[in-house]
């Protein structure tokens, strides 16, 4: 087999320390916001997440999500808000795929 091909496409993909920190930040966000949502929301559970039933619950959930994101951006200044949001999307999609 061509060793150049093997080196490019058949190597171990081990995450860097930075990638691990970003993933941990996203996981922290998902866990914290879902825990809060389960406290304040009274709606049904869809795709593994509880849903708000009215505008007040939706407001509480959104306010908490904004605050949680602000905390993460302060706690992990090496990442942009967009990088964290992208990783949160990946974490959530992995969770719903299970």
Protein backbone atom coordinates (compact mmCIF):
# COMPACT_ATOMS: atom_id res chain seq x y z
CA UNK A 1 0.00 0.00 0.00
CA UNK A 2 1.12 3.53 -0.67
CA UNK A 3 2.70 4.88 2.53
CA UNK A 4 1.89 8.50 1.64
CA UNK A 5 -1.80 7.58 1.39
CA UNK A 6 -1.63 5.65 4.64
CA UNK A 7 0.07 8.56 6.42
CA UNK A 8 -2.58 11.00 5.24
CA UNK A 9 -5.75 8.98 5.60
CA UNK A 10 -5.12 6.05 7.90
CA UNK A 11 -3.59 7.62 10.95
CA UNK A 12 -4.78 7.82 14.53
CA UNK A 13 -6.93 10.86 15.14
CA UNK A 14 -6.16 11.84 18.67
CA UNK A 15 -7.58 15.17 19.78
CA UNK A 16 -5.19 17.87 20.88
CA UNK A 17 -5.35 19.40 24.34
CA UNK A 18 -7.11 22.43 22.86
CA UNK A 19 -9.71 20.21 21.16
CA UNK A 20 -10.29 18.34 24.42
CA UNK A 21 -10.81 21.62 26.29
CA UNK A 22 -13.24 22.86 23.65
CA UNK A 23 -15.18 19.61 23.80
CA UNK A 24 -15.26 19.76 27.59
CA UNK A 25 -16.58 23.33 27.46
CA UNK A 26 -19.35 22.33 25.07
CA UNK A 27 -20.25 19.29 27.15
CA UNK A 28 -20.38 21.48 30.26
CA UNK A 29 -22.78 23.87 28.51
CA UNK A 30 -25.09 21.09 27.34
CA UNK A 31 -25.21 19.39 30.74
CA UNK A 32 -25.75 22.63 32.69
CA UNK A 33 -28.45 24.02 30.41
CA UNK A 34 -30.32 20.73 30.18
CA UNK A 35 -30.26 20.39 33.99
CA UNK A 36 -31.68 23.90 34.35
CA UNK A 37 -34.29 23.26 31.64
CA UNK A 38 -35.49 20.16 33.51
CA UNK A 39 -36.01 22.27 36.62
CA UNK A 40 -38.06 25.07 35.03
CA UNK A 41 -39.83 23.39 32.09
CA UNK A 42 -43.07 21.48 32.36
CA UNK A 43 -43.45 20.41 28.74
CA UNK A 44 -42.88 17.08 27.04
CA UNK A 45 -39.47 15.54 26.39
CA UNK A 46 -38.57 15.53 22.69
CA UNK A 47 -35.31 14.13 21.32
CA UNK A 48 -34.02 13.71 24.85
CA UNK A 49 -34.59 17.34 25.89
CA UNK A 50 -37.45 18.84 27.83
CA UNK A 51 -39.51 21.52 26.11
CA UNK A 52 -40.89 24.73 27.61
CA UNK A 53 -44.69 24.95 27.56
CA UNK A 54 -45.15 28.72 27.58
CA UNK A 55 -43.37 31.98 26.86
CA UNK A 56 -42.25 32.44 30.47
CA UNK A 57 -40.50 29.07 30.54
CA UNK A 58 -38.97 29.84 27.15
CA UNK A 59 -37.72 33.19 28.52
CA UNK A 60 -36.16 31.48 31.55
CA UNK A 61 -34.46 28.88 29.36
CA UNK A 62 -33.10 31.48 26.94
CA UNK A 63 -31.86 33.75 29.73
CA UNK A 64 -30.04 30.82 31.32
CA UNK A 65 -28.54 29.75 27.99
CA UNK A 66 -27.17 33.25 27.35
CA UNK A 67 -25.68 33.42 30.83
CA UNK A 68 -24.14 29.96 30.51
CA UNK A 69 -22.57 30.92 27.17
CA UNK A 70 -21.20 34.14 28.64
CA UNK A 71 -19.65 32.16 31.52
CA UNK A 72 -18.03 29.72 29.10
CA UNK A 73 -16.62 32.51 26.96
CA UNK A 74 -15.09 34.04 30.09
CA UNK A 75 -13.85 30.70 31.40
CA UNK A 76 -12.33 29.66 28.03
CA UNK A 77 -11.01 32.89 26.46
CA UNK A 78 -8.84 30.96 23.99
CA UNK A 79 -11.98 30.01 22.04
CA UNK A 80 -14.34 32.31 20.19
CA UNK A 81 -18.06 32.23 20.84
CA UNK A 82 -18.52 30.77 17.36
CA UNK A 83 -16.07 27.92 18.04
CA UNK A 84 -17.90 27.05 21.25
CA UNK A 85 -21.29 27.19 19.53
CA UNK A 86 -20.07 24.91 16.75
CA UNK A 87 -18.77 22.39 19.27
CA UNK A 88 -22.03 22.56 21.24
CA UNK A 89 -23.86 21.67 18.03
CA UNK A 90 -21.56 18.64 17.60
CA UNK A 91 -22.08 17.53 21.20
CA UNK A 92 -25.85 17.87 20.94
CA UNK A 93 -25.99 16.00 17.65
CA UNK A 94 -23.94 13.14 19.13
CA UNK A 95 -26.31 13.00 22.11
CA UNK A 96 -29.46 12.86 19.97
CA UNK A 97 -27.95 10.22 17.71
CA UNK A 98 -27.59 7.82 20.63
